[in-house]
Amino acid sequence: MHLHWKNHETVKVICKPCKPGQAQEYAEELARLSKGIVIDIKPNNIIIFYRGKNYVQPKVMSPPDTLSKAKALEKYRYEQSLEHTSQFIEKLEKELEEYHEHVAKFKKGKEDTS
């Protein structure tokens, strides 16, 4: 972003892949790290930043607390696996609940007949 801001006042960041509402989180984090101003967040996950009126390019382009590409990819994969696993667990919990309801109805039906 800082290299782009050397010649331009705004920068457009495209978030791919991005879940609904996640672009807002990315915008806040990027604004904090780059000290830029979020102008707009488009519906198709495009964030537009403004560098500010009195912009001075930093000596160190990336903040020291950012992840490397490899670490960021590892984090992304981990988050994806967590999300998938949680969805799978929810599905299994629902099936287990339906099974318990079925067993309860079956036992009640057996008691009524005897």
PDB file of N, CA and C in Angstrom:
ATOM      1  N   MET A   1       0.824  -1.193   0.000  1.00  0.00           N
ATOM      2  CA  MET A   1       0.000   0.000   0.000  1.00  0.00           C
ATOM      3  C   MET A   1       0.865   1.251   0.000  1.00  0.00           C
ATOM      4  N   HIS A   2       1.952   1.221   0.795  1.00  0.00           N
ATOM      5  CA  HIS A   2       2.793   2.411   0.900  1.00  0.00           C
ATOM      6  C   HIS A   2       3.497   2.718  -0.419  1.00  0.00           C
ATOM      7  N   LEU A   3       3.881   1.680  -1.151  1.00  0.00           N
ATOM      8  CA  LEU A   3       4.500   1.920  -2.461  1.00  0.00           C
ATOM      9  C   LEU A   3       3.487   2.528  -3.430  1.00  0.00           C
ATOM     10  N   HIS A   4       2.240   2.100  -3.344  1.00  0.00           N
ATOM     11  CA  HIS A   4       1.197   2.661  -4.205  1.00  0.00           C
ATOM     12  C   HIS A   4       0.902   4.100  -3.806  1.00  0.00           C
ATOM     13  N   TRP A   5       0.894   4.368  -2.490  1.00  0.00           N
ATOM     14  CA  TRP A   5       0.605   5.712  -2.002  1.00  0.00           C
ATOM     15  C   TRP A   5       1.722   6.696  -2.327  1.00  0.00           C
ATOM     16  N   LYS A   6       2.859   6.196  -2.771  1.00  0.00           N
ATOM     17  CA  LYS A   6       3.953   7.089  -3.152  1.00  0.00           C
ATOM     18  C   LYS A   6       3.524   7.978  -4.323  1.00  0.00           C
ATOM     19  N   ASN A   7       2.703   7.420  -5.225  1.00  0.00           N
ATOM     20  CA  ASN A   7       2.276   8.151  -6.421  1.00  0.00           C
ATOM     21  C   ASN A   7       0.780   8.452  -6.466  1.00  0.00           C
ATOM     22  N   HIS A   8       0.000   7.829  -5.611  1.00  0.00           N
ATOM     23  CA  HIS A   8      -1.460   7.983  -5.645  1.00  0.00           C
ATOM     24  C   HIS A   8      -1.989   8.280  -4.250  1.00  0.00           C
ATOM     25  N   GLU A   9      -3.148   8.908  -4.178  1.00  0.00           N
ATOM     26  CA  GLU A   9      -3.746   9.242  -2.884  1.00  0.00           C
ATOM     27  C   GLU A   9      -4.643   8.129  -2.346  1.00  0.00           C
ATOM     28  N   THR A  10      -5.188   7.314  -3.233  1.00  0.00           N
ATOM     29  CA  THR A  10      -6.078   6.235  -2.803  1.00  0.00           C
ATOM     30  C   THR A  10      -5.534   4.897  -3.280  1.00  0.00           C
ATOM     31  N   VAL A  11      -5.976   3.857  -2.601  1.00  0.00           N
ATOM     32  CA  VAL A  11      -5.637   2.498  -3.012  1.00  0.00           C
ATOM     33  C   VAL A  11      -6.887   1.638  -2.861  1.00  0.00           C
ATOM     34  N   LYS A  12      -7.069   0.723  -3.808  1.00  0.00           N
ATOM     35  CA  LYS A  12      -8.215  -0.179  -3.795  1.00  0.00           C
ATOM     36  C   LYS A  12      -7.702  -1.570  -3.429  1.00  0.00           C
ATOM     37  N   VAL A  13      -8.271  -2.153  -2.377  1.00  0.00           N
ATOM     38  CA  VAL A  13      -7.884  -3.477  -1.915  1.00  0.00           C
ATOM     39  C   VAL A  13      -9.053  -4.420  -2.164  1.00  0.00           C
ATOM     40  N   ILE A  14      -8.784  -5.526  -2.850  1.00  0.00           N
ATOM     41  CA  ILE A  14      -9.817  -6.523  -3.140  1.00  0.00           C
ATOM     42  C   ILE A  14      -9.603  -7.710  -2.213  1.00  0.00           C
ATOM     43  N   CYS A  15     -10.636  -8.076  -1.465  1.00  0.00           N
ATOM     44  CA  CYS A  15     -10.558  -9.199  -0.521  1.00  0.00           C
ATOM     45  C   CYS A  15     -11.099 -10.459  -1.186  1.00  0.00           C
ATOM     46  N   LYS A  16     -10.236 -11.439  -1.387  1.00  0.00           N
ATOM     47  CA  LYS A  16     -10.647 -12.723  -1.960  1.00  0.00           C
ATOM     48  C   LYS A  16      -9.998 -13.822  -1.165  1.00  0.00           C
ATOM     49  N   PRO A  17     -10.606 -14.874  -0.816  1.00  0.00           N
ATOM     50  CA  PRO A  17     -12.043 -15.030  -0.622  1.00  0.00           C
ATOM     51  C   PRO A  17     -12.443 -14.339   0.667  1.00  0.00           C
ATOM     52  N   CYS A  18     -13.638 -13.836   0.684  1.00  0.00           N
ATOM     53  CA  CYS A  18     -14.066 -13.047   1.837  1.00  0.00           C
ATOM     54  C   CYS A  18     -15.524 -13.363   2.142  1.00  0.00           C
ATOM     55  N   LYS A  19     -15.795 -13.670   3.395  1.00  0.00           N
ATOM     56  CA  LYS A  19     -17.156 -13.961   3.828  1.00  0.00           C
ATOM     57  C   LYS A  19     -17.904 -12.652   4.059  1.00  0.00           C
ATOM     58  N   PRO A  20     -19.234 -12.690   4.069  1.00  0.00           N
ATOM     59  CA  PRO A  20     -19.997 -11.467   4.343  1.00  0.00           C
ATOM     60  C   PRO A  20     -19.640 -10.896   5.708  1.00  0.00           C
ATOM     61  N   GLY A  21     -19.360  -9.609   5.741  1.00  0.00           N
ATOM     62  CA  GLY A  21     -19.012  -8.941   6.995  1.00  0.00           C
ATOM     63  C   GLY A  21     -17.539  -8.994   7.336  1.00  0.00           C
ATOM     64  N   GLN A  22     -16.781  -9.856   6.669  1.00  0.00           N
ATOM     65  CA  GLN A  22     -15.367  -9.981   6.989  1.00  0.00           C
ATOM     66  C   GLN A  22     -14.562  -8.835   6.374  1.00  0.00           C
ATOM     67  N   ALA A  23     -15.061  -8.245   5.316  1.00  0.00           N
ATOM     68  CA  ALA A  23     -14.362  -7.121   4.683  1.00  0.00           C
ATOM     69  C   ALA A  23     -14.242  -5.951   5.658  1.00  0.00           C
ATOM     70  N   GLN A  24     -15.249  -5.769   6.507  1.00  0.00           N
ATOM     71  CA  GLN A  24     -15.215  -4.703   7.513  1.00  0.00           C
ATOM     72  C   GLN A  24     -14.065  -4.924   8.496  1.00  0.00           C
ATOM     73  N   GLU A  25     -13.873  -6.182   8.934  1.00  0.00           N
ATOM     74  CA  GLU A  25     -12.771  -6.506   9.844  1.00  0.00           C
ATOM     75  C   GLU A  25     -11.425  -6.247   9.179  1.00  0.00           C
ATOM     76  N   TYR A  26     -11.312  -6.677   7.922  1.00  0.00           N
ATOM     77  CA  TYR A  26     -10.064  -6.457   7.179  1.00  0.00           C
ATOM     78  C   TYR A  26      -9.773  -4.974   7.036  1.00  0.00           C
ATOM     79  N   ALA A  27     -10.821  -4.195   6.757  1.00  0.00           N
ATOM     80  CA  ALA A  27     -10.648  -2.760   6.579  1.00  0.00           C
ATOM     81  C   ALA A  27     -10.128  -2.112   7.859  1.00  0.00           C
ATOM     82  N   GLU A  28     -10.704  -2.495   8.993  1.00  0.00           N
ATOM     83  CA  GLU A  28     -10.262  -1.927  10.274  1.00  0.00           C
ATOM     84  C   GLU A  28      -8.806  -2.284  10.563  1.00  0.00           C
ATOM     85  N   GLU A  29      -8.443  -3.536  10.296  1.00  0.00           N
ATOM     86  CA  GLU A  29      -7.080  -3.984  10.575  1.00  0.00           C
ATOM     87  C   GLU A  29      -6.073  -3.305   9.643  1.00  0.00           C
ATOM     88  N   LEU A  30      -6.408  -3.218   8.366  1.00  0.00           N
ATOM     89  CA  LEU A  30      -5.512  -2.555   7.414  1.00  0.00           C
ATOM     90  C   LEU A  30      -5.378  -1.067   7.708  1.00  0.00           C
ATOM     91  N   ALA A  31      -6.465  -0.443   8.121  1.00  0.00           N
ATOM     92  CA  ALA A  31      -6.403   0.980   8.474  1.00  0.00           C
ATOM     93  C   ALA A  31      -5.493   1.190   9.680  1.00  0.00           C
ATOM     94  N   ARG A  32      -5.583   0.281  10.638  1.00  0.00           N
ATOM     95  CA  ARG A  32      -4.732   0.385  11.828  1.00  0.00           C
ATOM     96  C   ARG A  32      -3.255   0.190  11.465  1.00  0.00           C
ATOM     97  N   LEU A  33      -2.979  -0.800  10.630  1.00  0.00           N
ATOM     98  CA  LEU A  33      -1.591  -1.107  10.284  1.00  0.00           C
ATOM     99  C   LEU A  33      -0.964  -0.073   9.348  1.00  0.00           C
ATOM    100  N   SER A  34      -1.753   0.437   8.394  1.00  0.00           N
ATOM    101  CA  SER A  34      -1.202   1.365   7.395  1.00  0.00           C
ATOM    102  C   SER A  34      -1.372   2.829   7.783  1.00  0.00           C
ATOM    103  N   LYS A  35      -2.189   3.085   8.809  1.00  0.00           N
ATOM    104  CA  LYS A  35      -2.534   4.449   9.222  1.00  0.00           C
ATOM    105  C   LYS A  35      -3.254   5.213   8.114  1.00  0.00           C
ATOM    106  N   GLY A  36      -3.961   4.459   7.261  1.00  0.00           N
ATOM    107  CA  GLY A  36      -4.778   5.060   6.217  1.00  0.00           C
ATOM    108  C   GLY A  36      -6.205   5.237   6.706  1.00  0.00           C
ATOM    109  N   ILE A  37      -7.042   5.831   5.875  1.00  0.00           N
ATOM    110  CA  ILE A  37      -8.436   6.103   6.209  1.00  0.00           C
ATOM    111  C   ILE A  37      -9.317   5.312   5.252  1.00  0.00           C
ATOM    112  N   VAL A  38     -10.254   4.554   5.801  1.00  0.00           N
ATOM    113  CA  VAL A  38     -11.189   3.797   4.967  1.00  0.00           C
ATOM    114  C   VAL A  38     -12.206   4.768   4.396  1.00  0.00           C
ATOM    115  N   ILE A  39     -12.255   4.859   3.076  1.00  0.00           N
ATOM    116  CA  ILE A  39     -13.228   5.732   2.413  1.00  0.00           C
ATOM    117  C   ILE A  39     -14.542   4.991   2.200  1.00  0.00           C
ATOM    118  N   ASP A  40     -14.447   3.765   1.648  1.00  0.00           N
ATOM    119  CA  ASP A  40     -15.655   3.036   1.298  1.00  0.00           C
ATOM    120  C   ASP A  40     -15.371   1.543   1.277  1.00  0.00           C
ATOM    121  N   ILE A  41     -16.405   0.766   1.580  1.00  0.00           N
ATOM    122  CA  ILE A  41     -16.346  -0.683   1.424  1.00  0.00           C
ATOM    123  C   ILE A  41     -17.471  -1.047   0.463  1.00  0.00           C
ATOM    124  N   LYS A  42     -17.099  -1.488  -0.712  1.00  0.00           N
ATOM    125  CA  LYS A  42     -18.071  -1.834  -1.753  1.00  0.00           C
ATOM    126  C   LYS A  42     -18.697  -3.191  -1.447  1.00  0.00           C
ATOM    127  N   PRO A  43     -19.891  -3.472  -1.994  1.00  0.00           N
ATOM    128  CA  PRO A  43     -20.556  -4.752  -1.732  1.00  0.00           C
ATOM    129  C   PRO A  43     -19.774  -5.966  -2.255  1.00  0.00           C
ATOM    130  N   ASN A  44     -18.950  -5.792  -3.267  1.00  0.00           N
ATOM    131  CA  ASN A  44     -18.199  -6.920  -3.823  1.00  0.00           C
ATOM    132  C   ASN A  44     -16.823  -7.059  -3.162  1.00  0.00           C
ATOM    133  N   ASN A  45     -16.741  -6.719  -1.865  1.00  0.00           N
ATOM    134  CA  ASN A  45     -15.543  -6.878  -1.036  1.00  0.00           C
ATOM    135  C   ASN A  45     -14.337  -6.073  -1.527  1.00  0.00           C
ATOM    136  N   ILE A  46     -14.589  -4.871  -1.982  1.00  0.00           N
ATOM    137  CA  ILE A  46     -13.523  -3.951  -2.369  1.00  0.00           C
ATOM    138  C   ILE A  46     -13.465  -2.835  -1.336  1.00  0.00           C
ATOM    139  N   ILE A  47     -12.265  -2.617  -0.800  1.00  0.00           N
ATOM    140  CA  ILE A  47     -12.067  -1.581   0.218  1.00  0.00           C
ATOM    141  C   ILE A  47     -11.214  -0.480  -0.393  1.00  0.00           C
ATOM    142  N   ILE A  48     -11.633   0.768  -0.233  1.00  0.00           N
ATOM    143  CA  ILE A  48     -10.879   1.900  -0.764  1.00  0.00           C
ATOM    144  C   ILE A  48     -10.317   2.697   0.409  1.00  0.00           C
ATOM    145  N   PHE A  49      -8.999   2.905   0.385  1.00  0.00           N
ATOM    146  CA  PHE A  49      -8.297   3.630   1.445  1.00  0.00           C
ATOM    147  C   PHE A  49      -7.749   4.946   0.910  1.00  0.00           C
ATOM    148  N   TYR A  50      -7.711   5.942   1.783  1.00  0.00           N
ATOM    149  CA  TYR A  50      -7.112   7.239   1.493  1.00  0.00           C
ATOM    150  C   TYR A  50      -5.901   7.387   2.398  1.00  0.00           C
ATOM    151  N   ARG A  51      -4.796   7.879   1.845  1.00  0.00           N
ATOM    152  CA  ARG A  51      -3.555   7.934   2.622  1.00  0.00           C
ATOM    153  C   ARG A  51      -3.520   9.059   3.640  1.00  0.00           C
ATOM    154  N   GLY A  52      -4.348  10.052   3.473  1.00  0.00           N
ATOM    155  CA  GLY A  52      -4.363  11.187   4.391  1.00  0.00           C
ATOM    156  C   GLY A  52      -3.691  12.396   3.755  1.00  0.00           C
ATOM    157  N   LYS A  53      -3.964  13.571   4.287  1.00  0.00           N
ATOM    158  CA  LYS A  53      -3.473  14.820   3.706  1.00  0.00           C
ATOM    159  C   LYS A  53      -1.966  14.988   3.892  1.00  0.00           C
ATOM    160  N   ASN A  54      -1.474  14.753   5.074  1.00  0.00           N
ATOM    161  CA  ASN A  54      -0.056  14.962   5.371  1.00  0.00           C
ATOM    162  C   ASN A  54       0.685  13.623   5.440  1.00  0.00           C
ATOM    163  N   TYR A  55       0.575  12.833   4.383  1.00  0.00           N
ATOM    164  CA  TYR A  55       1.161  11.489   4.360  1.00  0.00           C
ATOM    165  C   TYR A  55       2.677  11.558   4.246  1.00  0.00           C
ATOM    166  N   VAL A  56       3.347  10.792   5.087  1.00  0.00           N
ATOM    167  CA  VAL A  56       4.794  10.643   5.017  1.00  0.00           C
ATOM    168  C   VAL A  56       5.077   9.151   4.926  1.00  0.00           C
ATOM    169  N   GLN A  57       5.818   8.765   3.897  1.00  0.00           N
ATOM    170  CA  GLN A  57       6.098   7.346   3.703  1.00  0.00           C
ATOM    171  C   GLN A  57       7.015   6.834   4.824  1.00  0.00           C
ATOM    172  N   PRO A  58       6.628   5.720   5.477  1.00  0.00           N
ATOM    173  CA  PRO A  58       7.451   5.207   6.575  1.00  0.00           C
ATOM    174  C   PRO A  58       8.757   4.604   6.079  1.00  0.00           C
ATOM    175  N   LYS A  59       9.766   4.577   6.960  1.00  0.00           N
ATOM    176  CA  LYS A  59      11.053   3.978   6.600  1.00  0.00           C
ATOM    177  C   LYS A  59      10.914   2.475   6.444  1.00  0.00           C
ATOM    178  N   VAL A  60      10.160   1.851   7.346  1.00  0.00           N
ATOM    179  CA  VAL A  60       9.885   0.420   7.264  1.00  0.00           C
ATOM    180  C   VAL A  60       8.496   0.264   6.666  1.00  0.00           C
ATOM    181  N   MET A  61       8.416  -0.401   5.506  1.00  0.00           N
ATOM    182  CA  MET A  61       7.141  -0.472   4.782  1.00  0.00           C
ATOM    183  C   MET A  61       6.093  -1.356   5.458  1.00  0.00           C
ATOM    184  N   SER A  62       6.496  -2.481   6.022  1.00  0.00           N
ATOM    185  CA  SER A  62       5.502  -3.345   6.658  1.00  0.00           C
ATOM    186  C   SER A  62       5.694  -3.322   8.164  1.00  0.00           C
ATOM    187  N   PRO A  63       4.592  -3.297   8.914  1.00  0.00           N
ATOM    188  CA  PRO A  63       4.692  -3.288  10.370  1.00  0.00           C
ATOM    189  C   PRO A  63       5.390  -4.550  10.884  1.00  0.00           C
ATOM    190  N   PRO A  64       6.063  -4.475  12.009  1.00  0.00           N
ATOM    191  CA  PRO A  64       6.794  -5.635  12.513  1.00  0.00           C
ATOM    192  C   PRO A  64       5.901  -6.781  12.977  1.00  0.00           C
ATOM    193  N   ASP A  65       4.631  -6.504  13.268  1.00  0.00           N
ATOM    194  CA  ASP A  65       3.757  -7.554  13.784  1.00  0.00           C
ATOM    195  C   ASP A  65       2.877  -8.211  12.718  1.00  0.00           C
ATOM    196  N   THR A  66       3.246  -8.096  11.433  1.00  0.00           N
ATOM    197  CA  THR A  66       2.473  -8.742  10.381  1.00  0.00           C
ATOM    198  C   THR A  66       3.035 -10.134  10.108  1.00  0.00           C
ATOM    199  N   LEU A  67       2.189 -10.987   9.559  1.00  0.00           N
ATOM    200  CA  LEU A  67       2.596 -12.354   9.251  1.00  0.00           C
ATOM    201  C   LEU A  67       3.259 -12.425   7.886  1.00  0.00           C
ATOM    202  N   SER A  68       4.157 -13.391   7.724  1.00  0.00           N
ATOM    203  CA  SER A  68       4.734 -13.646   6.410  1.00  0.00           C
ATOM    204  C   SER A  68       3.658 -14.313   5.554  1.00  0.00           C
ATOM    205  N   LYS A  69       3.906 -14.429   4.248  1.00  0.00           N
ATOM    206  CA  LYS A  69       2.912 -15.052   3.371  1.00  0.00           C
ATOM    207  C   LYS A  69       2.654 -16.493   3.785  1.00  0.00           C
ATOM    208  N   ALA A  70       3.713 -17.222   4.124  1.00  0.00           N
ATOM    209  CA  ALA A  70       3.560 -18.623   4.515  1.00  0.00           C
ATOM    210  C   ALA A  70       2.733 -18.744   5.796  1.00  0.00           C
ATOM    211  N   LYS A  71       3.015 -17.901   6.793  1.00  0.00           N
ATOM    212  CA  LYS A  71       2.275 -17.935   8.052  1.00  0.00           C
ATOM    213  C   LYS A  71       0.817 -17.518   7.845  1.00  0.00           C
ATOM    214  N   ALA A  72       0.589 -16.512   6.982  1.00  0.00           N
ATOM    215  CA  ALA A  72      -0.775 -16.064   6.709  1.00  0.00           C
ATOM    216  C   ALA A  72      -1.575 -17.173   6.030  1.00  0.00           C
ATOM    217  N   LEU A  73      -0.951 -17.891   5.096  1.00  0.00           N
ATOM    218  CA  LEU A  73      -1.620 -18.996   4.415  1.00  0.00           C
ATOM    219  C   LEU A  73      -1.921 -20.116   5.408  1.00  0.00           C
ATOM    220  N   GLU A  74      -0.980 -20.395   6.296  1.00  0.00           N
ATOM    221  CA  GLU A  74      -1.191 -21.419   7.318  1.00  0.00           C
ATOM    222  C   GLU A  74      -2.353 -21.034   8.235  1.00  0.00           C
ATOM    223  N   LYS A  75      -2.417 -19.762   8.627  1.00  0.00           N
ATOM    224  CA  LYS A  75      -3.500 -19.274   9.482  1.00  0.00           C
ATOM    225  C   LYS A  75      -4.844 -19.387   8.765  1.00  0.00           C
ATOM    226  N   TYR A  76      -4.862 -19.022   7.480  1.00  0.00           N
ATOM    227  CA  TYR A  76      -6.087 -19.093   6.682  1.00  0.00           C
ATOM    228  C   TYR A  76      -6.579 -20.536   6.596  1.00  0.00           C
ATOM    229  N   ARG A  77      -5.673 -21.475   6.331  1.00  0.00           N
ATOM    230  CA  ARG A  77      -6.058 -22.883   6.234  1.00  0.00           C
ATOM    231  C   ARG A  77      -6.580 -23.404   7.568  1.00  0.00           C
ATOM    232  N   TYR A  78      -5.954 -22.985   8.653  1.00  0.00           N
ATOM    233  CA  TYR A  78      -6.390 -23.400   9.986  1.00  0.00           C
ATOM    234  C   TYR A  78      -7.803 -22.883  10.263  1.00  0.00           C
ATOM    235  N   GLU A  79      -8.066 -21.614   9.946  1.00  0.00           N
ATOM    236  CA  GLU A  79      -9.397 -21.044  10.164  1.00  0.00           C
ATOM    237  C   GLU A  79     -10.443 -21.761   9.322  1.00  0.00           C
ATOM    238  N   GLN A  80     -10.074 -22.107   8.072  1.00  0.00           N
ATOM    239  CA  GLN A  80     -10.996 -22.835   7.202  1.00  0.00           C
ATOM    240  C   GLN A  80     -11.331 -24.201   7.791  1.00  0.00           C
ATOM    241  N   SER A  81     -10.303 -24.907   8.301  1.00  0.00           N
ATOM    242  CA  SER A  81     -10.549 -26.237   8.862  1.00  0.00           C
ATOM    243  C   SER A  81     -11.404 -26.144  10.116  1.00  0.00           C
ATOM    244  N   LEU A  82     -11.181 -25.110  10.944  1.00  0.00           N
ATOM    245  CA  LEU A  82     -12.013 -24.916  12.133  1.00  0.00           C
ATOM    246  C   LEU A  82     -13.477 -24.682  11.756  1.00  0.00           C
ATOM    247  N   GLU A  83     -13.676 -23.857  10.742  1.00  0.00           N
ATOM    248  CA  GLU A  83     -15.042 -23.555  10.313  1.00  0.00           C
ATOM    249  C   GLU A  83     -15.730 -24.808   9.798  1.00  0.00           C
ATOM    250  N   HIS A  84     -15.018 -25.574   8.974  1.00  0.00           N
ATOM    251  CA  HIS A  84     -15.592 -26.798   8.408  1.00  0.00           C
ATOM    252  C   HIS A  84     -15.910 -27.789   9.524  1.00  0.00           C
ATOM    253  N   THR A  85     -15.001 -27.944  10.473  1.00  0.00           N
ATOM    254  CA  THR A  85     -15.201 -28.880  11.575  1.00  0.00           C
ATOM    255  C   THR A  85     -16.381 -28.459  12.436  1.00  0.00           C
ATOM    256  N   SER A  86     -16.511 -27.168  12.710  1.00  0.00           N
ATOM    257  CA  SER A  86     -17.636 -26.708  13.534  1.00  0.00           C
ATOM    258  C   SER A  86     -18.963 -26.951  12.832  1.00  0.00           C
ATOM    259  N   GLN A  87     -19.003 -26.780  11.503  1.00  0.00           N
ATOM    260  CA  GLN A  87     -20.231 -27.057  10.763  1.00  0.00           C
ATOM    261  C   GLN A  87     -20.564 -28.548  10.831  1.00  0.00           C
ATOM    262  N   PHE A  88     -19.551 -29.388  10.730  1.00  0.00           N
ATOM    263  CA  PHE A  88     -19.744 -30.828  10.791  1.00  0.00           C
ATOM    264  C   PHE A  88     -20.255 -31.237  12.170  1.00  0.00           C
ATOM    265  N   ILE A  89     -19.702 -30.638  13.226  1.00  0.00           N
ATOM    266  CA  ILE A  89     -20.125 -30.945  14.597  1.00  0.00           C
ATOM    267  C   ILE A  89     -21.578 -30.530  14.809  1.00  0.00           C
ATOM    268  N   GLU A  90     -21.963 -29.353  14.316  1.00  0.00           N
ATOM    269  CA  GLU A  90     -23.351 -28.898  14.440  1.00  0.00           C
ATOM    270  C   GLU A  90     -24.308 -29.883  13.767  1.00  0.00           C
ATOM    271  N   LYS A  91     -23.915 -30.367  12.596  1.00  0.00           N
ATOM    272  CA  LYS A  91     -24.751 -31.322  11.859  1.00  0.00           C
ATOM    273  C   LYS A  91     -24.897 -32.619  12.653  1.00  0.00           C
ATOM    274  N   LEU A  92     -23.788 -33.119  13.214  1.00  0.00           N
ATOM    275  CA  LEU A  92     -23.846 -34.351  13.992  1.00  0.00           C
ATOM    276  C   LEU A  92     -24.665 -34.176  15.268  1.00  0.00           C
ATOM    277  N   GLU A  93     -24.548 -33.009  15.923  1.00  0.00           N
ATOM    278  CA  GLU A  93     -25.345 -32.753  17.126  1.00  0.00           C
ATOM    279  C   GLU A  93     -26.833 -32.754  16.800  1.00  0.00           C
ATOM    280  N   LYS A  94     -27.201 -32.181  15.670  1.00  0.00           N
ATOM    281  CA  LYS A  94     -28.605 -32.152  15.259  1.00  0.00           C
ATOM    282  C   LYS A  94     -29.108 -33.574  14.990  1.00  0.00           C
ATOM    283  N   GLU A  95     -28.290 -34.390  14.304  1.00  0.00           N
ATOM    284  CA  GLU A  95     -28.681 -35.767  14.031  1.00  0.00           C
ATOM    285  C   GLU A  95     -28.823 -36.565  15.331  1.00  0.00           C
ATOM    286  N   LEU A  96     -27.928 -36.346  16.287  1.00  0.00           N
ATOM    287  CA  LEU A  96     -27.997 -37.031  17.575  1.00  0.00           C
ATOM    288  C   LEU A  96     -29.265 -36.645  18.332  1.00  0.00           C
ATOM    289  N   GLU A  97     -29.608 -35.359  18.284  1.00  0.00           N
ATOM    290  CA  GLU A  97     -30.827 -34.878  18.940  1.00  0.00           C
ATOM    291  C   GLU A  97     -32.059 -35.532  18.315  1.00  0.00           C
ATOM    292  N   GLU A  98     -32.095 -35.615  16.973  1.00  0.00           N
ATOM    293  CA  GLU A  98     -33.219 -36.263  16.289  1.00  0.00           C
ATOM    294  C   GLU A  98     -33.296 -37.749  16.653  1.00  0.00           C
ATOM    295  N   TYR A  99     -32.151 -38.396  16.788  1.00  0.00           N
ATOM    296  CA  TYR A  99     -32.117 -39.815  17.164  1.00  0.00           C
ATOM    297  C   TYR A  99     -32.687 -40.013  18.564  1.00  0.00           C
ATOM    298  N   HIS A 100     -32.282 -39.144  19.512  1.00  0.00           N
ATOM    299  CA  HIS A 100     -32.807 -39.250  20.876  1.00  0.00           C
ATOM    300  C   HIS A 100     -34.323 -39.031  20.899  1.00  0.00           C
ATOM    301  N   GLU A 101     -34.828 -38.100  20.099  1.00  0.00           N
ATOM    302  CA  GLU A 101     -36.274 -37.874  20.011  1.00  0.00           C
ATOM    303  C   GLU A 101     -36.976 -39.117  19.466  1.00  0.00           C
ATOM    304  N   HIS A 102     -36.368 -39.737  18.450  1.00  0.00           N
ATOM    305  CA  HIS A 102     -36.931 -40.938  17.843  1.00  0.00           C
ATOM    306  C   HIS A 102     -36.980 -42.077  18.863  1.00  0.00           C
ATOM    307  N   VAL A 103     -35.895 -42.259  19.623  1.00  0.00           N
ATOM    308  CA  VAL A 103     -35.837 -43.318  20.637  1.00  0.00           C
ATOM    309  C   VAL A 103     -36.881 -43.064  21.712  1.00  0.00           C
ATOM    310  N   ALA A 104     -37.035 -41.812  22.131  1.00  0.00           N
ATOM    311  CA  ALA A 104     -38.025 -41.480  23.155  1.00  0.00           C
ATOM    312  C   ALA A 104     -39.439 -41.786  22.657  1.00  0.00           C
ATOM    313  N   LYS A 105     -39.730 -41.449  21.393  1.00  0.00           N
ATOM    314  CA  LYS A 105     -41.060 -41.737  20.828  1.00  0.00           C
ATOM    315  C   LYS A 105     -41.280 -43.237  20.732  1.00  0.00           C
ATOM    316  N   PHE A 106     -40.246 -43.972  20.357  1.00  0.00           N
ATOM    317  CA  PHE A 106     -40.349 -45.420  20.212  1.00  0.00           C
ATOM    318  C   PHE A 106     -40.627 -46.074  21.568  1.00  0.00           C
ATOM    319  N   LYS A 107     -39.908 -45.635  22.617  1.00  0.00           N
ATOM    320  CA  LYS A 107     -40.127 -46.175  23.961  1.00  0.00           C
ATOM    321  C   LYS A 107     -41.525 -45.841  24.457  1.00  0.00           C
ATOM    322  N   LYS A 108     -41.981 -44.612  24.195  1.00  0.00           N
ATOM    323  CA  LYS A 108     -43.311 -44.190  24.634  1.00  0.00           C
ATOM    324  C   LYS A 108     -44.380 -45.015  23.928  1.00  0.00           C
ATOM    325  N   GLY A 109     -44.176 -45.266  22.627  1.00  0.00           N
ATOM    326  CA  GLY A 109     -45.121 -46.084  21.861  1.00  0.00           C
ATOM    327  C   GLY A 109     -45.150 -47.507  22.373  1.00  0.00           C
ATOM    328  N   LYS A 110     -44.023 -48.060  22.771  1.00  0.00           N
ATOM    329  CA  LYS A 110     -43.953 -49.419  23.299  1.00  0.00           C
ATOM    330  C   LYS A 110     -44.680 -49.512  24.634  1.00  0.00           C
ATOM    331  N   GLU A 111     -44.501 -48.484  25.499  1.00  0.00           N
ATOM    332  CA  GLU A 111     -45.168 -48.473  26.810  1.00  0.00           C
ATOM    333  C   GLU A 111     -46.689 -48.372  26.649  1.00  0.00           C
ATOM    334  N   ASP A 112     -47.132 -47.598  25.638  1.00  0.00           N
ATOM    335  CA  ASP A 112     -48.565 -47.423  25.432  1.00  0.00           C
ATOM    336  C   ASP A 112     -49.228 -48.735  24.979  1.00  0.00           C
ATOM    337  N   THR A 113     -48.506 -49.521  24.169  1.00  0.00           N
ATOM    338  CA  THR A 113     -49.070 -50.762  23.662  1.00  0.00           C
ATOM    339  C   THR A 113     -49.081 -51.867  24.730  1.00  0.00           C
ATOM    340  N   SER A 114     -48.167 -51.794  25.697  1.00  0.00           N
ATOM    341  CA  SER A 114     -48.133 -52.855  26.715  1.00  0.00           C
ATOM    342  C   SER A 114     -48.923 -52.534  27.942  1.00  0.00           C
TER     343      SER A 114
END
